[in-house]
């Protein structure tokens, strides 16, 4: 596995396979953002062992990030709705 990762870095290129950000804009609004390569398109960027590893990483982490995204979205929504 390490050999594959070293090989990727030696190419001098980077790919945002899966990303998650928590941002605040100039109006003070907090938003979450998920980004990355769609799982169906991983084969356009990776092949062989690299493809298997990246697909496994996405399949393992994407559901957890989606759950975190939903949790934060619900919490932020609740904070923005005050009851009188």
PDB file of N, CA and C in Angstrom:
ATOM      1  N   UNK A   1       0.804  -1.194   0.000  1.00  0.00           N
ATOM      2  CA  UNK A   1       0.000   0.000   0.000  1.00  0.00           C
ATOM      3  C   UNK A   1       0.850   1.263   0.000  1.00  0.00           C
ATOM      4  N   UNK A   2       1.890   1.304   0.788  1.00  0.00           N
ATOM      5  CA  UNK A   2       2.748   2.486   0.828  1.00  0.00           C
ATOM      6  C   UNK A   2       3.417   2.737  -0.506  1.00  0.00           C
ATOM      7  N   UNK A   3       3.761   1.660  -1.208  1.00  0.00           N
ATOM      8  CA  UNK A   3       4.401   1.819  -2.512  1.00  0.00           C
ATOM      9  C   UNK A   3       3.481   2.545  -3.478  1.00  0.00           C
ATOM     10  N   UNK A   4       2.208   2.253  -3.417  1.00  0.00           N
ATOM     11  CA  UNK A   4       1.249   2.922  -4.299  1.00  0.00           C
ATOM     12  C   UNK A   4       1.161   4.398  -3.963  1.00  0.00           C
ATOM     13  N   UNK A   5       1.112   4.743  -2.670  1.00  0.00           N
ATOM     14  CA  UNK A   5       1.028   6.135  -2.278  1.00  0.00           C
ATOM     15  C   UNK A   5       2.289   6.894  -2.663  1.00  0.00           C
ATOM     16  N   UNK A   6       3.434   6.300  -2.480  1.00  0.00           N
ATOM     17  CA  UNK A   6       4.688   6.931  -2.875  1.00  0.00           C
ATOM     18  C   UNK A   6       4.689   7.160  -4.381  1.00  0.00           C
ATOM     19  N   UNK A   7       4.210   6.199  -5.142  1.00  0.00           N
ATOM     20  CA  UNK A   7       4.151   6.315  -6.589  1.00  0.00           C
ATOM     21  C   UNK A   7       3.277   7.510  -6.993  1.00  0.00           C
ATOM     22  N   UNK A   8       2.152   7.705  -6.303  1.00  0.00           N
ATOM     23  CA  UNK A   8       1.271   8.827  -6.614  1.00  0.00           C
ATOM     24  C   UNK A   8       1.977  10.161  -6.376  1.00  0.00           C
ATOM     25  N   UNK A   9       2.690  10.287  -5.267  1.00  0.00           N
ATOM     26  CA  UNK A   9       3.356  11.538  -4.955  1.00  0.00           C
ATOM     27  C   UNK A   9       4.525  11.806  -5.891  1.00  0.00           C
ATOM     28  N   UNK A  10       5.189  10.778  -6.376  1.00  0.00           N
ATOM     29  CA  UNK A  10       6.298  10.968  -7.296  1.00  0.00           C
ATOM     30  C   UNK A  10       5.829  11.520  -8.636  1.00  0.00           C
ATOM     31  N   UNK A  11       4.579  11.310  -8.990  1.00  0.00           N
ATOM     32  CA  UNK A  11       4.046  11.837 -10.241  1.00  0.00           C
ATOM     33  C   UNK A  11       3.937  13.353 -10.201  1.00  0.00           C
ATOM     34  N   UNK A  12       3.948  13.933  -9.012  1.00  0.00           N
ATOM     35  CA  UNK A  12       3.870  15.377  -8.886  1.00  0.00           C
ATOM     36  C   UNK A  12       2.476  15.935  -9.112  1.00  0.00           C
ATOM     37  N   UNK A  13       1.473  15.111  -9.023  1.00  0.00           N
ATOM     38  CA  UNK A  13       0.102  15.558  -9.217  1.00  0.00           C
ATOM     39  C   UNK A  13      -0.711  15.227  -7.981  1.00  0.00           C
ATOM     40  N   UNK A  14      -1.784  15.955  -7.802  1.00  0.00           N
ATOM     41  CA  UNK A  14      -2.684  15.703  -6.693  1.00  0.00           C
ATOM     42  C   UNK A  14      -4.086  15.540  -7.228  1.00  0.00           C
ATOM     43  N   UNK A  15      -4.895  14.790  -6.506  1.00  0.00           N
ATOM     44  CA  UNK A  15      -6.299  14.622  -6.850  1.00  0.00           C
ATOM     45  C   UNK A  15      -7.127  14.750  -5.582  1.00  0.00           C
ATOM     46  N   UNK A  16      -8.186  15.532  -5.643  1.00  0.00           N
ATOM     47  CA  UNK A  16      -9.107  15.638  -4.519  1.00  0.00           C
ATOM     48  C   UNK A  16     -10.063  14.457  -4.623  1.00  0.00           C
ATOM     49  N   UNK A  17      -9.663  13.338  -4.068  1.00  0.00           N
ATOM     50  CA  UNK A  17     -10.468  12.124  -4.137  1.00  0.00           C
ATOM     51  C   UNK A  17     -11.744  12.309  -3.339  1.00  0.00           C
ATOM     52  N   UNK A  18     -11.628  12.855  -2.137  1.00  0.00           N
ATOM     53  CA  UNK A  18     -12.782  13.112  -1.291  1.00  0.00           C
ATOM     54  C   UNK A  18     -12.412  14.210  -0.317  1.00  0.00           C
ATOM     55  N   UNK A  19     -13.238  15.248  -0.251  1.00  0.00           N
ATOM     56  CA  UNK A  19     -12.931  16.364   0.628  1.00  0.00           C
ATOM     57  C   UNK A  19     -14.140  16.821   1.419  1.00  0.00           C
ATOM     58  N   UNK A  20     -13.880  17.434   2.564  1.00  0.00           N
ATOM     59  CA  UNK A  20     -14.933  17.966   3.421  1.00  0.00           C
ATOM     60  C   UNK A  20     -14.420  19.260   4.032  1.00  0.00           C
ATOM     61  N   UNK A  21     -15.224  20.318   3.925  1.00  0.00           N
ATOM     62  CA  UNK A  21     -14.839  21.613   4.480  1.00  0.00           C
ATOM     63  C   UNK A  21     -15.974  22.177   5.316  1.00  0.00           C
ATOM     64  N   UNK A  22     -15.596  22.934   6.329  1.00  0.00           N
ATOM     65  CA  UNK A  22     -16.543  23.745   7.081  1.00  0.00           C
ATOM     66  C   UNK A  22     -16.106  25.182   6.828  1.00  0.00           C
ATOM     67  N   UNK A  23     -17.002  25.973   6.227  1.00  0.00           N
ATOM     68  CA  UNK A  23     -16.672  27.330   5.800  1.00  0.00           C
ATOM     69  C   UNK A  23     -17.579  28.348   6.474  1.00  0.00           C
ATOM     70  N   UNK A  24     -17.071  29.559   6.610  1.00  0.00           N
ATOM     71  CA  UNK A  24     -17.898  30.668   7.062  1.00  0.00           C
ATOM     72  C   UNK A  24     -17.710  31.791   6.050  1.00  0.00           C
ATOM     73  N   UNK A  25     -18.826  32.352   5.574  1.00  0.00           N
ATOM     74  CA  UNK A  25     -18.703  33.403   4.571  1.00  0.00           C
ATOM     75  C   UNK A  25     -18.645  34.774   5.226  1.00  0.00           C
ATOM     76  N   UNK A  26     -18.564  35.815   4.413  1.00  0.00           N
ATOM     77  CA  UNK A  26     -18.400  37.172   4.937  1.00  0.00           C
ATOM     78  C   UNK A  26     -19.631  37.657   5.690  1.00  0.00           C
ATOM     79  N   UNK A  27     -20.765  36.980   5.519  1.00  0.00           N
ATOM     80  CA  UNK A  27     -21.986  37.340   6.246  1.00  0.00           C
ATOM     81  C   UNK A  27     -22.142  36.536   7.531  1.00  0.00           C
ATOM     82  N   UNK A  28     -21.169  35.681   7.843  1.00  0.00           N
ATOM     83  CA  UNK A  28     -21.207  34.891   9.064  1.00  0.00           C
ATOM     84  C   UNK A  28     -21.993  33.598   8.948  1.00  0.00           C
ATOM     85  N   UNK A  29     -22.333  33.212   7.730  1.00  0.00           N
ATOM     86  CA  UNK A  29     -23.081  31.988   7.506  1.00  0.00           C
ATOM     87  C   UNK A  29     -22.102  30.819   7.429  1.00  0.00           C
ATOM     88  N   UNK A  30     -22.353  29.788   8.248  1.00  0.00           N
ATOM     89  CA  UNK A  30     -21.502  28.600   8.252  1.00  0.00           C
ATOM     90  C   UNK A  30     -22.119  27.560   7.326  1.00  0.00           C
ATOM     91  N   UNK A  31     -21.303  27.001   6.458  1.00  0.00           N
ATOM     92  CA  UNK A  31     -21.768  25.964   5.536  1.00  0.00           C
ATOM     93  C   UNK A  31     -20.756  24.829   5.508  1.00  0.00           C
ATOM     94  N   UNK A  32     -21.243  23.661   5.150  1.00  0.00           N
ATOM     95  CA  UNK A  32     -20.334  22.533   4.950  1.00  0.00           C
ATOM     96  C   UNK A  32     -20.315  22.208   3.464  1.00  0.00           C
ATOM     97  N   UNK A  33     -19.201  21.679   3.028  1.00  0.00           N
ATOM     98  CA  UNK A  33     -19.027  21.381   1.609  1.00  0.00           C
ATOM     99  C   UNK A  33     -18.326  20.040   1.447  1.00  0.00           C
ATOM    100  N   UNK A  34     -18.906  19.195   0.621  1.00  0.00           N
ATOM    101  CA  UNK A  34     -18.254  17.938   0.255  1.00  0.00           C
ATOM    102  C   UNK A  34     -17.841  18.036  -1.206  1.00  0.00           C
ATOM    103  N   UNK A  35     -16.674  17.497  -1.516  1.00  0.00           N
ATOM    104  CA  UNK A  35     -16.185  17.550  -2.884  1.00  0.00           C
ATOM    105  C   UNK A  35     -15.390  16.287  -3.188  1.00  0.00           C
ATOM    106  N   UNK A  36     -15.045  16.130  -4.438  1.00  0.00           N
ATOM    107  CA  UNK A  36     -14.208  15.005  -4.818  1.00  0.00           C
ATOM    108  C   UNK A  36     -14.598  14.419  -6.153  1.00  0.00           C
ATOM    109  N   UNK A  37     -13.918  13.367  -6.502  1.00  0.00           N
ATOM    110  CA  UNK A  37     -14.164  12.663  -7.747  1.00  0.00           C
ATOM    111  C   UNK A  37     -15.342  11.716  -7.543  1.00  0.00           C
ATOM    112  N   UNK A  38     -16.363  11.775  -8.403  1.00  0.00           N
ATOM    113  CA  UNK A  38     -17.446  10.796  -8.283  1.00  0.00           C
ATOM    114  C   UNK A  38     -16.879   9.378  -8.369  1.00  0.00           C
ATOM    115  N   UNK A  39     -17.405   8.490  -7.542  1.00  0.00           N
ATOM    116  CA  UNK A  39     -16.861   7.125  -7.485  1.00  0.00           C
ATOM    117  C   UNK A  39     -16.837   6.463  -8.858  1.00  0.00           C
ATOM    118  N   UNK A  40     -17.829   6.734  -9.671  1.00  0.00           N
ATOM    119  CA  UNK A  40     -17.877   6.153 -11.007  1.00  0.00           C
ATOM    120  C   UNK A  40     -16.809   6.671 -11.953  1.00  0.00           C
ATOM    121  N   UNK A  41     -16.183   7.800 -11.589  1.00  0.00           N
ATOM    122  CA  UNK A  41     -15.137   8.386 -12.429  1.00  0.00           C
ATOM    123  C   UNK A  41     -13.727   8.098 -11.927  1.00  0.00           C
ATOM    124  N   UNK A  42     -13.596   7.383 -10.824  1.00  0.00           N
ATOM    125  CA  UNK A  42     -12.256   7.088 -10.291  1.00  0.00           C
ATOM    126  C   UNK A  42     -11.390   6.359 -11.316  1.00  0.00           C
ATOM    127  N   UNK A  43     -12.025   5.540 -12.152  1.00  0.00           N
ATOM    128  CA  UNK A  43     -11.252   4.788 -13.151  1.00  0.00           C
ATOM    129  C   UNK A  43     -10.686   5.686 -14.245  1.00  0.00           C
ATOM    130  N   UNK A  44     -11.121   6.935 -14.325  1.00  0.00           N
ATOM    131  CA  UNK A  44     -10.560   7.883 -15.298  1.00  0.00           C
ATOM    132  C   UNK A  44      -9.244   8.472 -14.793  1.00  0.00           C
ATOM    133  N   UNK A  45      -9.034   8.362 -13.474  1.00  0.00           N
ATOM    134  CA  UNK A  45      -7.844   8.947 -12.852  1.00  0.00           C
ATOM    135  C   UNK A  45      -6.870   7.871 -12.374  1.00  0.00           C
ATOM    136  N   UNK A  46      -7.415   6.755 -11.888  1.00  0.00           N
ATOM    137  CA  UNK A  46      -6.599   5.696 -11.306  1.00  0.00           C
ATOM    138  C   UNK A  46      -6.834   4.385 -12.045  1.00  0.00           C
ATOM    139  N   UNK A  47      -5.866   3.481 -11.899  1.00  0.00           N
ATOM    140  CA  UNK A  47      -6.026   2.138 -12.471  1.00  0.00           C
ATOM    141  C   UNK A  47      -5.317   1.128 -11.577  1.00  0.00           C
ATOM    142  N   UNK A  48      -5.608  -0.136 -11.806  1.00  0.00           N
ATOM    143  CA  UNK A  48      -4.950  -1.222 -11.080  1.00  0.00           C
ATOM    144  C   UNK A  48      -5.123  -1.116  -9.582  1.00  0.00           C
ATOM    145  N   UNK A  49      -4.017  -1.340  -8.860  1.00  0.00           N
ATOM    146  CA  UNK A  49      -4.038  -1.295  -7.390  1.00  0.00           C
ATOM    147  C   UNK A  49      -4.432   0.084  -6.867  1.00  0.00           C
ATOM    148  N   UNK A  50      -3.992   1.142  -7.563  1.00  0.00           N
ATOM    149  CA  UNK A  50      -4.356   2.497  -7.142  1.00  0.00           C
ATOM    150  C   UNK A  50      -5.868   2.669  -7.150  1.00  0.00           C
ATOM    151  N   UNK A  51      -6.523   2.173  -8.193  1.00  0.00           N
ATOM    152  CA  UNK A  51      -7.975   2.283  -8.303  1.00  0.00           C
ATOM    153  C   UNK A  51      -8.661   1.532  -7.166  1.00  0.00           C
ATOM    154  N   UNK A  52      -8.202   0.331  -6.872  1.00  0.00           N
ATOM    155  CA  UNK A  52      -8.797  -0.455  -5.782  1.00  0.00           C
ATOM    156  C   UNK A  52      -8.663   0.260  -4.443  1.00  0.00           C
ATOM    157  N   UNK A  53      -7.495   0.813  -4.185  1.00  0.00           N
ATOM    158  CA  UNK A  53      -7.254   1.505  -2.916  1.00  0.00           C
ATOM    159  C   UNK A  53      -8.125   2.753  -2.814  1.00  0.00           C
ATOM    160  N   UNK A  54      -8.160   3.552  -3.870  1.00  0.00           N
ATOM    161  CA  UNK A  54      -8.952   4.781  -3.844  1.00  0.00           C
ATOM    162  C   UNK A  54     -10.441   4.474  -3.736  1.00  0.00           C
ATOM    163  N   UNK A  55     -10.913   3.458  -4.426  1.00  0.00           N
ATOM    164  CA  UNK A  55     -12.321   3.071  -4.344  1.00  0.00           C
ATOM    165  C   UNK A  55     -12.666   2.637  -2.914  1.00  0.00           C
ATOM    166  N   UNK A  56     -11.780   1.855  -2.282  1.00  0.00           N
ATOM    167  CA  UNK A  56     -12.004   1.432  -0.892  1.00  0.00           C
ATOM    168  C   UNK A  56     -12.024   2.619   0.059  1.00  0.00           C
ATOM    169  N   UNK A  57     -11.109   3.549  -0.138  1.00  0.00           N
ATOM    170  CA  UNK A  57     -11.067   4.743   0.718  1.00  0.00           C
ATOM    171  C   UNK A  57     -12.378   5.514   0.600  1.00  0.00           C
ATOM    172  N   UNK A  58     -12.848   5.711  -0.622  1.00  0.00           N
ATOM    173  CA  UNK A  58     -14.097   6.450  -0.834  1.00  0.00           C
ATOM    174  C   UNK A  58     -15.275   5.709  -0.214  1.00  0.00           C
ATOM    175  N   UNK A  59     -15.350   4.412  -0.432  1.00  0.00           N
ATOM    176  CA  UNK A  59     -16.463   3.623   0.099  1.00  0.00           C
ATOM    177  C   UNK A  59     -16.469   3.590   1.624  1.00  0.00           C
ATOM    178  N   UNK A  60     -15.302   3.654   2.243  1.00  0.00           N
ATOM    179  CA  UNK A  60     -15.223   3.638   3.708  1.00  0.00           C
ATOM    180  C   UNK A  60     -15.492   5.004   4.330  1.00  0.00           C
ATOM    181  N   UNK A  61     -15.044   6.061   3.686  1.00  0.00           N
ATOM    182  CA  UNK A  61     -15.125   7.378   4.310  1.00  0.00           C
ATOM    183  C   UNK A  61     -16.330   8.213   3.893  1.00  0.00           C
ATOM    184  N   UNK A  62     -16.817   8.053   2.672  1.00  0.00           N
ATOM    185  CA  UNK A  62     -17.903   8.898   2.189  1.00  0.00           C
ATOM    186  C   UNK A  62     -19.155   8.815   3.071  1.00  0.00           C
ATOM    187  N   UNK A  63     -19.605   7.620   3.480  1.00  0.00           N
ATOM    188  CA  UNK A  63     -20.789   7.575   4.356  1.00  0.00           C
ATOM    189  C   UNK A  63     -20.574   8.311   5.683  1.00  0.00           C
ATOM    190  N   UNK A  64     -19.377   8.264   6.216  1.00  0.00           N
ATOM    191  CA  UNK A  64     -19.092   8.948   7.481  1.00  0.00           C
ATOM    192  C   UNK A  64     -19.111  10.462   7.290  1.00  0.00           C
ATOM    193  N   UNK A  65     -18.560  10.929   6.183  1.00  0.00           N
ATOM    194  CA  UNK A  65     -18.575  12.360   5.910  1.00  0.00           C
ATOM    195  C   UNK A  65     -19.988  12.851   5.600  1.00  0.00           C
ATOM    196  N   UNK A  66     -20.777  12.036   4.910  1.00  0.00           N
ATOM    197  CA  UNK A  66     -22.171  12.401   4.647  1.00  0.00           C
ATOM    198  C   UNK A  66     -22.965  12.501   5.945  1.00  0.00           C
ATOM    199  N   UNK A  67     -22.716  11.598   6.870  1.00  0.00           N
ATOM    200  CA  UNK A  67     -23.388  11.646   8.177  1.00  0.00           C
ATOM    201  C   UNK A  67     -22.971  12.899   8.943  1.00  0.00           C
ATOM    202  N   UNK A  68     -21.693  13.233   8.915  1.00  0.00           N
ATOM    203  CA  UNK A  68     -21.201  14.445   9.578  1.00  0.00           C
ATOM    204  C   UNK A  68     -21.821  15.682   8.934  1.00  0.00           C
ATOM    205  N   UNK A  69     -21.883  15.700   7.616  1.00  0.00           N
ATOM    206  CA  UNK A  69     -22.492  16.807   6.878  1.00  0.00           C
ATOM    207  C   UNK A  69     -23.953  16.989   7.308  1.00  0.00           C
ATOM    208  N   UNK A  70     -24.715  15.909   7.375  1.00  0.00           N
ATOM    209  CA  UNK A  70     -26.119  15.972   7.774  1.00  0.00           C
ATOM    210  C   UNK A  70     -26.267  16.443   9.220  1.00  0.00           C
ATOM    211  N   UNK A  71     -25.426  15.920  10.106  1.00  0.00           N
ATOM    212  CA  UNK A  71     -25.462  16.310  11.512  1.00  0.00           C
ATOM    213  C   UNK A  71     -25.225  17.808  11.661  1.00  0.00           C
ATOM    214  N   UNK A  72     -24.175  18.310  11.023  1.00  0.00           N
ATOM    215  CA  UNK A  72     -23.861  19.733  11.129  1.00  0.00           C
ATOM    216  C   UNK A  72     -24.952  20.588  10.496  1.00  0.00           C
ATOM    217  N   UNK A  73     -25.486  20.140   9.385  1.00  0.00           N
ATOM    218  CA  UNK A  73     -26.563  20.863   8.728  1.00  0.00           C
ATOM    219  C   UNK A  73     -27.779  20.981   9.658  1.00  0.00           C
ATOM    220  N   UNK A  74     -28.145  19.882  10.317  1.00  0.00           N
ATOM    221  CA  UNK A  74     -29.270  19.890  11.254  1.00  0.00           C
ATOM    222  C   UNK A  74     -28.994  20.801  12.452  1.00  0.00           C
ATOM    223  N   UNK A  75     -27.796  20.730  13.001  1.00  0.00           N
ATOM    224  CA  UNK A  75     -27.446  21.546  14.162  1.00  0.00           C
ATOM    225  C   UNK A  75     -27.437  23.023  13.801  1.00  0.00           C
ATOM    226  N   UNK A  76     -26.870  23.357  12.658  1.00  0.00           N
ATOM    227  CA  UNK A  76     -26.826  24.765  12.235  1.00  0.00           C
ATOM    228  C   UNK A  76     -28.224  25.281  11.937  1.00  0.00           C
ATOM    229  N   UNK A  77     -29.055  24.435  11.356  1.00  0.00           N
ATOM    230  CA  UNK A  77     -30.424  24.823  11.069  1.00  0.00           C
ATOM    231  C   UNK A  77     -31.184  25.095  12.374  1.00  0.00           C
ATOM    232  N   UNK A  78     -30.980  24.241  13.370  1.00  0.00           N
ATOM    233  CA  UNK A  78     -31.640  24.418  14.661  1.00  0.00           C
ATOM    234  C   UNK A  78     -31.183  25.715  15.333  1.00  0.00           C
ATOM    235  N   UNK A  79     -29.906  26.046  15.218  1.00  0.00           N
ATOM    236  CA  UNK A  79     -29.397  27.280  15.810  1.00  0.00           C
ATOM    237  C   UNK A  79     -29.961  28.521  15.127  1.00  0.00           C
ATOM    238  N   UNK A  80     -30.269  28.415  13.856  1.00  0.00           N
ATOM    239  CA  UNK A  80     -30.764  29.555  13.089  1.00  0.00           C
ATOM    240  C   UNK A  80     -32.272  29.765  13.249  1.00  0.00           C
ATOM    241  N   UNK A  81     -32.961  28.801  13.867  1.00  0.00           N
ATOM    242  CA  UNK A  81     -34.401  28.925  14.091  1.00  0.00           C
ATOM    243  C   UNK A  81     -34.665  29.091  15.577  1.00  0.00           C
ATOM    244  N   UNK A  82     -34.974  30.301  15.967  1.00  0.00           N
ATOM    245  CA  UNK A  82     -35.262  30.575  17.370  1.00  0.00           C
ATOM    246  C   UNK A  82     -36.767  30.446  17.609  1.00  0.00           C
ATOM    247  N   UNK A  83     -37.113  29.999  18.785  1.00  0.00           N
ATOM    248  CA  UNK A  83     -38.541  29.908  19.133  1.00  0.00           C
ATOM    249  C   UNK A  83     -38.896  31.054  20.065  1.00  0.00           C
ATOM    250  N   UNK A  84     -40.103  31.552  19.921  1.00  0.00           N
ATOM    251  CA  UNK A  84     -40.534  32.693  20.741  1.00  0.00           C
ATOM    252  C   UNK A  84     -41.559  32.226  21.740  1.00  0.00           C
TER     253      UNK A  84
END
